[in-house]
N, C-alpha and C. Protein backbone atom coordinates (compact mmCIF):
# COMPACT_ATOMS: atom_id res chain seq x y z
N ARG A 1 -2.47 -155.29 77.42
CA ARG A 1 -1.50 -155.35 78.93
C ARG A 1 -2.08 -153.95 79.07
N GLU A 2 -2.48 -152.88 78.63
CA GLU A 2 -2.67 -152.05 79.26
C GLU A 2 -3.96 -150.98 78.53
N VAL A 3 -4.85 -150.41 79.67
CA VAL A 3 -5.86 -150.39 79.07
C VAL A 3 -5.71 -148.87 79.19
N SER A 4 -6.26 -147.91 78.30
CA SER A 4 -5.72 -146.75 78.34
C SER A 4 -7.56 -145.79 78.31
N THR A 5 -7.45 -144.32 78.39
CA THR A 5 -8.51 -143.92 78.10
C THR A 5 -8.74 -143.06 76.83
N ASN A 6 -9.18 -142.24 76.08
CA ASN A 6 -9.13 -141.68 75.49
C ASN A 6 -8.71 -140.10 76.03
N ASP A 7 -8.18 -139.52 74.63
CA ASP A 7 -7.73 -138.12 74.82
C ASP A 7 -8.39 -137.13 75.44
N ALA A 8 -8.47 -135.97 76.78
CA ALA A 8 -8.95 -135.20 76.57
C ALA A 8 -8.49 -134.11 78.04
N THR A 9 -8.71 -132.85 78.39
CA THR A 9 -7.96 -132.52 79.12
C THR A 9 -9.27 -132.72 80.31
N GLY A 10 -8.73 -131.77 81.69
CA GLY A 10 -9.60 -131.79 82.64
C GLY A 10 -8.91 -132.87 83.92
N THR A 11 -9.26 -132.90 85.24
CA THR A 11 -9.43 -133.38 86.45
C THR A 11 -9.39 -135.03 86.22
N ALA A 12 -10.19 -135.06 85.82
CA ALA A 12 -10.71 -136.53 85.81
C ALA A 12 -10.18 -137.87 84.60
N CYS A 13 -10.37 -138.63 84.75
CA CYS A 13 -10.00 -139.89 83.40
C CYS A 13 -11.29 -139.97 82.53
N PRO A 14 -10.81 -139.39 81.52
CA PRO A 14 -11.90 -139.42 80.23
C PRO A 14 -12.94 -140.81 80.53
N SER A 15 -13.80 -140.83 80.22
CA SER A 15 -14.65 -141.92 80.28
C SER A 15 -15.05 -142.64 78.95
N ALA A 16 -15.16 -141.52 78.12
CA ALA A 16 -15.97 -141.96 77.05
C ALA A 16 -15.73 -143.71 76.23
N SER A 17 -14.05 -143.38 75.88
CA SER A 17 -14.04 -144.87 75.18
C SER A 17 -12.65 -145.07 75.83
N PHE A 18 -12.40 -146.50 75.46
CA PHE A 18 -10.41 -147.34 76.19
C PHE A 18 -10.58 -147.85 74.55
N SER A 19 -9.50 -147.95 75.17
CA SER A 19 -8.69 -149.23 74.09
C SER A 19 -7.58 -150.10 74.78
N LYS A 20 -7.55 -151.07 74.32
CA LYS A 20 -6.70 -151.60 74.70
C LYS A 20 -4.71 -151.98 73.94
N SER A 21 -3.87 -151.77 74.74
CA SER A 21 -2.74 -152.05 73.96
C SER A 21 -2.02 -153.46 75.13
N PRO A 22 -1.41 -153.88 73.77
CA PRO A 22 -0.64 -155.91 74.06
C PRO A 22 0.94 -155.55 74.12
N GLY A 23 0.78 -153.93 74.18
CA GLY A 23 3.06 -154.12 74.33
C GLY A 23 3.21 -155.01 75.14
N ASN A 24 4.86 -154.19 75.10
CA ASN A 24 5.95 -154.87 76.04
C ASN A 24 5.88 -153.93 77.70
N ASP A 25 5.03 -153.35 77.70
CA ASP A 25 5.33 -152.71 78.51
C ASP A 25 3.76 -152.41 79.31
N GLY A 26 3.09 -152.47 80.79
CA GLY A 26 1.75 -151.30 80.92
C GLY A 26 2.79 -150.17 82.43
N SER A 27 1.09 -149.36 82.03
CA SER A 27 1.73 -148.36 82.84
C SER A 27 0.46 -148.45 83.61
N ALA A 28 0.41 -147.18 84.48
CA ALA A 28 -0.10 -146.90 85.39
C ALA A 28 -0.62 -145.56 85.78
N GLY A 29 -1.33 -144.63 85.32
CA GLY A 29 -1.27 -142.96 85.63
C GLY A 29 -2.34 -142.40 85.06
N ALA A 30 -1.91 -141.22 85.63
CA ALA A 30 -2.82 -140.02 84.40
C ALA A 30 -1.98 -138.92 84.18
N SER A 31 -2.23 -138.74 83.32
CA SER A 31 -1.65 -137.13 82.14
C SER A 31 -1.69 -136.26 82.92
N ASP A 32 -1.19 -135.26 82.67
CA ASP A 32 -1.58 -133.73 83.23
C ASP A 32 -2.83 -133.25 82.34
N SER A 33 -3.76 -132.04 83.35
CA SER A 33 -4.45 -132.04 83.15
C SER A 33 -4.67 -131.03 82.40
N ASP A 34 -4.01 -130.72 82.13
CA ASP A 34 -3.59 -128.96 81.09
C ASP A 34 -3.44 -129.68 79.44
N THR A 35 -2.59 -131.02 79.17
CA THR A 35 -2.87 -131.60 78.21
C THR A 35 -3.76 -132.51 77.36
N SER A 36 -4.26 -132.73 76.61
CA SER A 36 -5.32 -133.58 75.90
C SER A 36 -4.75 -134.95 75.74
N THR A 37 -4.93 -136.09 76.35
CA THR A 37 -3.90 -136.64 76.77
C THR A 37 -4.73 -137.97 77.90
N ASN A 38 -4.28 -138.95 77.81
CA ASN A 38 -5.36 -139.86 78.59
C ASN A 38 -4.27 -140.29 79.98
N CYS A 39 -5.16 -141.50 80.77
CA CYS A 39 -5.55 -142.00 82.08
C CYS A 39 -4.98 -143.52 81.74
N ARG A 40 -3.99 -144.07 82.06
CA ARG A 40 -3.65 -145.82 82.05
C ARG A 40 -3.79 -146.51 83.65
N ARG A 41 -4.30 -148.04 83.35
CA ARG A 41 -3.95 -148.94 83.88
C ARG A 41 -3.89 -149.74 83.17
N THR A 42 -3.03 -151.18 83.90
CA THR A 42 -2.10 -152.34 83.58
C THR A 42 -2.56 -153.18 84.22
N TYR A 43 -3.16 -154.46 83.60
CA TYR A 43 -3.15 -155.54 84.64
C TYR A 43 -1.69 -156.69 83.83
N VAL A 44 -1.12 -158.20 84.97
CA VAL A 44 -0.81 -158.93 84.03
C VAL A 44 -1.82 -160.23 84.51
N GLU A 45 -1.71 -161.37 83.79
CA GLU A 45 -2.49 -162.60 83.94
C GLU A 45 -1.88 -163.76 83.95
N TRP A 46 -2.13 -164.63 84.13
CA TRP A 46 -1.30 -165.65 84.48
C TRP A 46 -1.88 -167.27 84.23
N ASP A 47 -1.76 -168.10 83.55
CA ASP A 47 -2.63 -168.96 83.46
C ASP A 47 -1.82 -169.61 84.71
N ILE A 48 -2.89 -170.08 85.86
CA ILE A 48 -2.59 -171.40 86.71
C ILE A 48 -3.15 -173.02 86.91
N THR A 49 -2.90 -172.97 85.50
CA THR A 49 -3.83 -174.52 85.25
C THR A 49 -2.81 -175.22 85.66
N SER A 50 -1.53 -175.11 86.21
CA SER A 50 -0.54 -176.42 86.75
C SER A 50 -0.88 -176.48 88.56
N ILE A 51 -1.43 -175.81 89.09
CA ILE A 51 -2.25 -175.86 90.28
C ILE A 51 -3.59 -176.47 90.42
N THR A 52 -3.28 -178.21 91.09
CA THR A 52 -4.17 -178.58 91.93
C THR A 52 -5.23 -178.19 92.13
N ASP A 53 -6.69 -178.20 91.52
CA ASP A 53 -7.97 -177.44 91.40
C ASP A 53 -8.39 -177.90 93.17
N GLY A 54 -9.03 -177.39 93.99
CA GLY A 54 -9.08 -177.61 96.00
C GLY A 54 -7.62 -177.42 96.61
N SER A 55 -6.44 -177.22 95.90
CA SER A 55 -5.44 -176.62 97.02
C SER A 55 -5.79 -175.37 98.05
N ASP A 56 -5.45 -175.91 98.74
CA ASP A 56 -5.68 -174.39 99.56
C ASP A 56 -4.24 -173.19 99.71
N VAL A 57 -4.04 -172.34 98.97
CA VAL A 57 -3.53 -171.18 98.63
C VAL A 57 -2.98 -170.35 100.31
N THR A 58 -2.16 -170.18 100.42
CA THR A 58 -1.46 -169.63 101.79
C THR A 58 -0.89 -168.60 101.39
N ASN A 59 -0.78 -168.19 100.08
CA ASN A 59 0.89 -166.99 100.08
C ASN A 59 0.70 -166.55 98.48
N VAL A 60 0.06 -165.31 98.31
CA VAL A 60 0.24 -164.76 96.80
C VAL A 60 1.34 -163.46 96.97
N VAL A 61 2.51 -164.03 95.78
CA VAL A 61 3.79 -162.78 96.08
C VAL A 61 3.71 -162.11 94.54
N PHE A 62 3.73 -161.05 93.82
CA PHE A 62 4.03 -160.29 92.86
C PHE A 62 5.31 -159.84 92.98
N LYS A 63 5.74 -160.54 92.01
CA LYS A 63 7.18 -160.35 91.59
C LYS A 63 7.44 -159.12 90.87
N PHE A 64 7.97 -158.27 90.29
CA PHE A 64 8.21 -157.81 88.87
C PHE A 64 8.90 -156.30 88.95
N GLU A 65 9.12 -155.78 87.99
CA GLU A 65 10.05 -154.31 87.99
C GLU A 65 8.87 -153.62 87.23
N VAL A 66 9.45 -151.77 88.07
CA VAL A 66 9.59 -150.92 87.21
C VAL A 66 10.74 -150.59 86.71
N LYS A 67 10.18 -150.17 85.23
CA LYS A 67 11.19 -149.46 84.86
C LYS A 67 10.85 -148.33 84.44
N PHE A 68 10.41 -147.31 84.38
CA PHE A 68 9.93 -146.07 84.43
C PHE A 68 8.93 -145.25 85.16
N VAL A 69 9.64 -144.30 85.69
CA VAL A 69 8.60 -143.57 86.64
C VAL A 69 8.30 -142.42 86.05
N VAL A 70 7.61 -141.06 86.81
CA VAL A 70 6.93 -139.71 85.97
C VAL A 70 6.40 -139.19 86.81
N SER A 71 6.58 -138.37 87.99
CA SER A 71 6.18 -137.63 88.98
C SER A 71 5.21 -139.13 89.60
N ALA A 72 5.93 -140.20 90.16
CA ALA A 72 5.18 -141.51 89.93
C ALA A 72 3.87 -141.77 91.67
N LYS A 73 2.92 -142.27 91.51
CA LYS A 73 2.05 -141.67 92.73
C LYS A 73 1.67 -143.29 93.41
N ASN A 74 1.00 -143.55 94.35
CA ASN A 74 1.47 -144.90 94.65
C ASN A 74 -0.32 -146.13 94.47
N CYS A 75 0.44 -147.08 94.18
CA CYS A 75 -0.88 -148.05 93.16
C CYS A 75 -1.77 -148.56 94.30
N ASP A 76 -2.87 -149.20 93.38
CA ASP A 76 -3.59 -150.07 94.26
C ASP A 76 -3.29 -151.20 93.17
N TYR A 77 -4.00 -152.73 94.01
CA TYR A 77 -3.57 -153.41 93.57
C TYR A 77 -4.23 -154.35 93.65
N ASN A 78 -5.67 -154.60 92.43
CA ASN A 78 -6.73 -154.95 92.26
C ASN A 78 -7.51 -156.36 92.19
N GLU A 79 -8.41 -156.97 92.66
CA GLU A 79 -8.31 -158.14 91.89
C GLU A 79 -9.46 -157.95 90.41
N MET A 80 -9.40 -158.67 89.72
CA MET A 80 -10.14 -158.88 88.45
C MET A 80 -11.30 -159.83 88.30
N ASN A 81 -12.56 -159.80 88.13
CA ASN A 81 -13.54 -160.89 87.82
C ASN A 81 -13.28 -161.31 86.88
N THR A 82 -13.08 -160.05 85.73
CA THR A 82 -13.32 -161.21 84.19
C THR A 82 -12.29 -160.99 83.68
N ARG A 83 -11.74 -161.56 83.21
CA ARG A 83 -10.36 -161.88 82.55
C ARG A 83 -10.43 -160.80 80.99
N PRO A 84 -9.21 -159.98 81.40
CA PRO A 84 -8.67 -159.40 80.60
C PRO A 84 -8.26 -159.29 79.77
N SER A 85 -7.42 -160.42 79.30
CA SER A 85 -6.65 -161.00 78.12
C SER A 85 -8.46 -160.92 76.66
N THR A 86 -9.21 -161.06 77.19
CA THR A 86 -10.51 -161.11 77.07
C THR A 86 -11.30 -160.35 76.68
N ALA A 87 -11.41 -159.66 77.54
CA ALA A 87 -12.18 -158.68 78.42
C ALA A 87 -12.55 -157.72 76.96
N THR A 88 -13.36 -156.62 76.87
CA THR A 88 -13.29 -155.57 75.51
C THR A 88 -12.24 -153.90 76.80
N ALA A 89 -11.45 -153.45 76.24
CA ALA A 89 -11.35 -152.21 77.25
C ALA A 89 -11.90 -151.69 77.91
N SER A 90 -13.69 -151.07 77.56
CA SER A 90 -14.08 -150.76 78.97
C SER A 90 -14.27 -151.67 79.96
N ALA A 91 -14.72 -153.23 79.77
CA ALA A 91 -14.80 -153.99 80.84
C ALA A 91 -13.48 -154.54 81.63
N ALA A 92 -12.39 -153.74 81.46
CA ALA A 92 -10.74 -154.41 81.46
C ALA A 92 -10.76 -153.82 82.40
N TRP A 93 -11.23 -152.00 82.21
CA TRP A 93 -11.16 -150.36 82.68
C TRP A 93 -11.78 -150.62 84.29
N THR A 94 -13.35 -150.97 84.02
CA THR A 94 -13.72 -151.02 84.53
C THR A 94 -13.14 -152.42 86.11
N ASP A 95 -13.00 -153.15 85.40
CA ASP A 95 -12.87 -154.24 86.67
C ASP A 95 -10.95 -153.64 87.41
N MET A 96 -10.44 -153.61 86.55
CA MET A 96 -9.21 -152.70 87.33
C MET A 96 -9.45 -151.59 88.11
N GLY A 97 -10.54 -151.01 88.34
CA GLY A 97 -10.85 -149.99 89.36
C GLY A 97 -11.62 -150.37 89.75
N ASP A 98 -12.51 -151.26 90.36
CA ASP A 98 -13.13 -151.56 91.30
C ASP A 98 -13.57 -153.41 91.94
N GLY A 99 -13.76 -153.48 93.28
CA GLY A 99 -13.58 -154.99 93.20
C GLY A 99 -12.70 -154.98 94.55
N THR A 100 -12.50 -155.98 95.16
CA THR A 100 -11.20 -155.97 96.61
C THR A 100 -10.46 -155.49 95.99
N ALA A 101 -9.83 -154.55 96.77
CA ALA A 101 -8.17 -154.57 96.41
C ALA A 101 -7.35 -155.29 96.68
N PHE A 102 -6.52 -155.55 97.00
CA PHE A 102 -5.78 -156.33 97.42
C PHE A 102 -4.82 -155.45 98.29
N VAL A 103 -4.10 -154.86 97.59
CA VAL A 103 -3.13 -154.01 98.31
C VAL A 103 -3.64 -152.28 98.02
N SER A 104 -3.49 -151.94 98.37
CA SER A 104 -4.30 -149.82 98.46
C SER A 104 -2.99 -149.32 98.40
N ASN A 105 -3.15 -148.09 97.98
CA ASN A 105 -2.27 -147.06 98.32
C ASN A 105 -0.47 -147.32 99.01
N ASP A 106 -0.44 -148.78 97.94
CA ASP A 106 1.15 -148.84 98.58
C ASP A 106 2.40 -148.27 97.47
N ALA A 107 3.49 -147.64 98.10
CA ALA A 107 4.54 -147.34 97.08
C ALA A 107 5.78 -147.77 96.54
N THR A 108 5.20 -149.03 96.24
CA THR A 108 6.32 -149.81 95.60
C THR A 108 5.94 -149.27 94.81
N CYS A 109 4.80 -149.22 93.70
CA CYS A 109 4.92 -148.71 92.48
C CYS A 109 5.79 -146.94 91.83
N ALA A 110 6.28 -146.79 92.56
CA ALA A 110 6.99 -145.23 92.88
C ALA A 110 7.80 -144.55 92.45
N THR A 111 8.65 -146.39 92.72
CA THR A 111 9.77 -146.16 92.56
C THR A 111 10.94 -146.98 91.82
N LEU A 112 12.03 -146.64 90.62
CA LEU A 112 12.20 -147.37 89.24
C LEU A 112 12.92 -148.28 90.02
N ALA A 113 13.10 -149.60 90.03
CA ALA A 113 13.02 -151.25 90.37
C ALA A 113 13.80 -152.63 89.53
N THR A 114 14.84 -152.81 89.83
CA THR A 114 14.13 -154.74 89.81
C THR A 114 13.81 -155.34 90.50
N GLY A 115 13.65 -156.67 90.76
CA GLY A 115 13.69 -157.23 91.94
C GLY A 115 12.33 -156.84 92.58
N LYS A 116 11.15 -156.29 92.53
CA LYS A 116 10.80 -155.73 93.07
C LYS A 116 9.23 -156.97 93.91
N SER A 117 9.23 -156.93 94.93
CA SER A 117 8.66 -157.85 95.64
C SER A 117 7.08 -157.56 96.34
N LEU A 118 6.05 -157.78 96.39
CA LEU A 118 5.20 -157.61 96.88
C LEU A 118 3.97 -158.92 97.18
N ASP A 119 3.90 -159.08 98.64
CA ASP A 119 2.61 -159.64 98.78
C ASP A 119 1.48 -159.01 98.98
N LEU A 120 0.08 -159.90 98.14
CA LEU A 120 -0.42 -159.01 97.67
C LEU A 120 -1.85 -159.64 99.32
N GLY A 121 -1.56 -160.32 100.12
CA GLY A 121 -2.62 -160.19 101.01
C GLY A 121 -3.20 -161.46 100.74
N THR A 122 -4.23 -161.78 102.01
CA THR A 122 -5.15 -162.37 102.45
C THR A 122 -6.25 -163.01 101.33
N SER A 123 -6.37 -161.64 101.59
CA SER A 123 -7.73 -161.72 99.77
C SER A 123 -7.55 -162.40 98.27
N ALA A 124 -6.20 -161.85 98.35
CA ALA A 124 -5.31 -162.23 97.19
C ALA A 124 -4.85 -163.94 97.07
N ASP A 125 -5.44 -164.19 98.36
CA ASP A 125 -4.52 -165.54 98.73
C ASP A 125 -5.88 -166.53 98.60
N ALA A 126 -7.24 -165.73 98.85
CA ALA A 126 -8.11 -166.58 98.95
C ALA A 126 -9.01 -166.89 97.25
N ASP A 127 -8.44 -165.17 96.65
CA ASP A 127 -8.80 -165.58 95.16
C ASP A 127 -8.38 -165.62 94.35
N VAL A 128 -7.23 -166.43 94.58
CA VAL A 128 -6.75 -167.40 93.82
C VAL A 128 -6.87 -168.89 93.85
N GLU A 129 -7.19 -168.43 95.10
CA GLU A 129 -8.01 -170.04 95.26
C GLU A 129 -8.96 -170.77 94.51
N ALA A 130 -10.00 -169.27 94.95
CA ALA A 130 -11.22 -169.54 93.88
C ALA A 130 -11.43 -169.59 92.65
N GLN A 131 -9.83 -169.04 91.94
CA GLN A 131 -10.08 -168.89 91.06
C GLN A 131 -9.37 -170.40 89.67
N LEU A 132 -9.15 -171.19 90.71
CA LEU A 132 -7.79 -173.01 90.40
C LEU A 132 -9.07 -173.73 88.67
N THR A 133 -10.55 -173.39 89.88
CA THR A 133 -11.45 -173.80 88.37
C THR A 133 -11.31 -173.47 86.66
N SER A 134 -10.58 -172.04 86.91
CA SER A 134 -10.42 -171.69 85.93
C SER A 134 -10.09 -171.25 85.07
N ASN A 135 -8.77 -171.54 85.71
CA ASN A 135 -7.65 -171.73 85.14
C ASN A 135 -6.19 -170.70 85.01
N TRP A 136 -6.98 -169.74 85.45
CA TRP A 136 -6.29 -167.98 85.01
C TRP A 136 -6.64 -166.74 85.99
N TRP A 137 -5.46 -166.37 86.44
CA TRP A 137 -5.58 -165.01 87.29
C TRP A 137 -5.12 -163.83 86.40
N ALA A 138 -5.48 -163.14 87.26
CA ALA A 138 -4.73 -161.65 87.07
C ALA A 138 -5.25 -160.72 87.64
N VAL A 139 -4.35 -159.47 87.85
CA VAL A 139 -3.83 -158.74 88.85
C VAL A 139 -4.48 -157.03 88.23
N GLY A 140 -5.04 -156.29 88.69
CA GLY A 140 -5.14 -155.37 87.73
C GLY A 140 -4.59 -153.95 88.42
N ILE A 141 -3.53 -153.16 88.28
CA ILE A 141 -2.49 -152.22 88.59
C ILE A 141 -3.27 -150.60 88.26
N LYS A 142 -3.68 -149.78 89.28
CA LYS A 142 -4.38 -148.44 88.94
C LYS A 142 -3.49 -147.32 90.26
N TYR A 143 -3.67 -146.53 89.24
CA TYR A 143 -3.03 -145.57 91.01
C TYR A 143 -4.08 -145.17 91.60
N ASN A 144 -3.16 -145.25 92.89
CA ASN A 144 -4.70 -144.43 94.40
C ASN A 144 -5.35 -143.50 93.82
N ASP A 145 -4.33 -142.87 93.19
CA ASP A 145 -5.03 -141.47 93.13
C ASP A 145 -4.93 -141.27 91.33
N GLU A 146 -6.28 -141.11 90.67
CA GLU A 146 -5.83 -140.77 89.32
C GLU A 146 -6.48 -139.36 88.69
N LEU A 147 -5.96 -138.58 90.09
CA LEU A 147 -7.11 -137.20 89.68
C LEU A 147 -5.44 -136.39 89.00
N ARG A 148 -6.25 -136.16 87.82
CA ARG A 148 -5.64 -135.32 86.84
C ARG A 148 -5.01 -133.54 87.65
N ASP A 149 -3.70 -133.53 87.85
CA ASP A 149 -3.23 -132.29 87.59
C ASP A 149 -2.65 -131.98 87.44
N SER A 150 -2.26 -129.70 86.99
CA SER A 150 -2.29 -129.56 85.94
C SER A 150 -0.02 -129.43 86.48
N THR A 151 0.38 -129.65 87.10
CA THR A 151 2.05 -129.63 87.67
C THR A 151 2.75 -130.86 87.04
N SER A 152 2.02 -131.93 86.81
CA SER A 152 3.10 -132.72 85.17
C SER A 152 2.43 -134.03 85.25
N ASP A 153 2.97 -135.53 84.44
CA ASP A 153 2.12 -137.14 84.10
C ASP A 153 2.49 -136.85 84.76
N HIS A 154 1.64 -137.71 85.65
CA HIS A 154 1.91 -139.54 86.51
C HIS A 154 2.07 -140.89 86.11
N PHE A 155 3.09 -141.39 85.98
CA PHE A 155 3.45 -142.37 85.76
C PHE A 155 4.70 -143.15 85.90
N ALA A 156 3.76 -145.27 86.14
CA ALA A 156 4.89 -145.97 86.14
C ALA A 156 4.53 -146.90 85.54
N THR A 157 5.53 -147.32 84.74
CA THR A 157 6.17 -148.20 84.08
C THR A 157 6.05 -149.61 84.56
N PHE A 158 5.10 -150.45 84.01
CA PHE A 158 5.64 -151.58 84.84
C PHE A 158 6.25 -152.77 83.24
N CYS A 159 7.57 -153.02 83.08
CA CYS A 159 8.43 -154.12 82.93
C CYS A 159 7.52 -155.08 82.89
N LEU A 160 6.56 -156.03 81.40
CA LEU A 160 5.71 -156.91 81.16
C LEU A 160 6.60 -157.64 80.16
N GLU A 161 6.19 -158.88 80.29
CA GLU A 161 6.82 -160.34 80.44
C GLU A 161 7.62 -160.43 78.50
N GLU A 162 6.94 -159.47 77.66
CA GLU A 162 7.56 -159.21 76.10
C GLU A 162 9.03 -158.42 75.82
N SER A 163 9.31 -157.40 77.12
CA SER A 163 10.47 -156.79 76.69
C SER A 163 11.35 -157.66 78.12
N PRO A 164 12.70 -157.49 78.04
CA PRO A 164 13.64 -158.21 79.48
C PRO A 164 13.31 -157.23 80.09
N CYS A 165 13.26 -158.47 81.56
CA CYS A 165 12.64 -158.09 82.42
C CYS A 165 13.42 -158.36 83.46
N THR A 166 13.80 -157.63 84.79
CA THR A 166 14.70 -158.54 85.93
C THR A 166 13.45 -158.63 87.40
N PRO A 167 12.73 -159.54 87.70
CA PRO A 167 12.10 -160.08 86.93
C PRO A 167 10.92 -159.95 86.01
N ASP A 168 10.79 -160.93 85.17
CA ASP A 168 9.07 -161.53 84.41
C ASP A 168 8.02 -161.07 84.95
N PRO A 169 7.45 -160.23 85.35
CA PRO A 169 6.33 -160.40 85.44
C PRO A 169 5.96 -161.89 86.59
N THR A 170 6.45 -161.82 88.03
CA THR A 170 6.15 -163.45 88.75
C THR A 170 5.29 -163.80 89.58
N LEU A 171 4.32 -164.38 89.38
CA LEU A 171 3.24 -164.83 90.32
C LEU A 171 3.63 -165.80 91.54
N GLU A 172 3.98 -166.09 92.77
CA GLU A 172 4.77 -166.63 93.33
C GLU A 172 3.04 -167.10 94.02
N ILE A 173 3.03 -168.51 94.46
CA ILE A 173 1.89 -168.71 95.05
C ILE A 173 2.21 -170.39 96.20
N THR A 174 2.06 -170.07 97.17
CA THR A 174 1.97 -170.69 98.07
C THR A 174 1.11 -171.49 97.94
N TYR A 175 0.92 -172.94 98.24
CA TYR A 175 0.04 -174.01 98.59
C TYR A 175 0.11 -175.34 99.44
N THR A 176 -1.43 -175.84 99.72
CA THR A 176 -0.88 -177.36 99.70
C THR A 176 -2.08 -178.11 98.80
N LEU A 177 -1.39 -179.55 98.34
CA LEU A 177 -2.47 -180.09 97.22
C LEU A 177 -3.24 -180.21 98.75
N PRO A 178 -4.86 -180.73 97.86
CA PRO A 178 -5.82 -180.65 98.42
C PRO A 178 -5.38 -182.79 98.91
N THR A 179 -6.26 -183.11 100.14
CA THR A 179 -6.03 -184.71 100.71
C THR A 179 -6.55 -185.25 100.26
N VAL A 180 -6.16 -186.07 99.58
CA VAL A 180 -7.16 -186.70 98.30
C VAL A 180 -7.63 -188.40 99.87
N THR A 181 -9.00 -188.80 99.56
CA THR A 181 -8.80 -189.70 100.78
C THR A 181 -9.05 -191.16 99.73
N GLN A 182 -7.96 -191.92 99.62
CA GLN A 182 -8.17 -193.23 98.56
C GLN A 182 -9.29 -194.24 99.08
N PRO A 183 -10.18 -194.16 98.08
CA PRO A 183 -11.29 -195.24 98.66
C PRO A 183 -10.48 -196.84 99.26
N ILE A 184 -11.65 -197.44 99.73
CA ILE A 184 -11.02 -198.69 100.98
C ILE A 184 -11.99 -199.99 100.59
N THR A 185 -11.10 -200.60 100.01
CA THR A 185 -12.57 -201.28 99.60
C THR A 185 -12.04 -203.17 100.39
N ILE A 186 -13.19 -203.22 101.23
CA ILE A 186 -12.91 -204.21 102.13
C ILE A 186 -13.66 -205.64 101.51
N THR A 187 -13.10 -206.91 101.13
CA THR A 187 -14.10 -208.21 100.86
C THR A 187 -14.06 -209.02 102.40
N ILE A 188 -15.34 -209.33 102.62
CA ILE A 188 -15.61 -210.35 103.98
C ILE A 188 -16.11 -211.45 103.47
């Protein structure tokens, strides 16, 4: 659920190699530029098979817990076009950083708390609806500003479902079922 860069110093996140960690938590952030450590992005993926294909999705809310922060910055919550659970670490890293930002530069991740709730907006509504036939949907989370400075590490750690969380990462989707037109048979 977390993808990190290789260790290196400097103000930019290193981009030579990436690794995936299936751990209990996922972090977004960047380490101190003076230390030889990494940058991190995280994602959450859900099985949306239970929602009927063709449904009209009208609202998508992400509910979660931030369990640890260090000099936190604001986060972006981004569209994922590649299924992150099966993607390579490099592909997942790139996908978490590009595409549509459902919510950009949001401070919800910058404070430690349980029971957080974030409406991901109309672009997420449309994206979930478009993904119904694929039966999965994911959101990538990264810092809006991934610049590494020399003052401190900057991390926000999200509680994922393998840990006791309040709540487990939850996707609340409001939708209406497609209208089914029943065939009419008439015998004359």
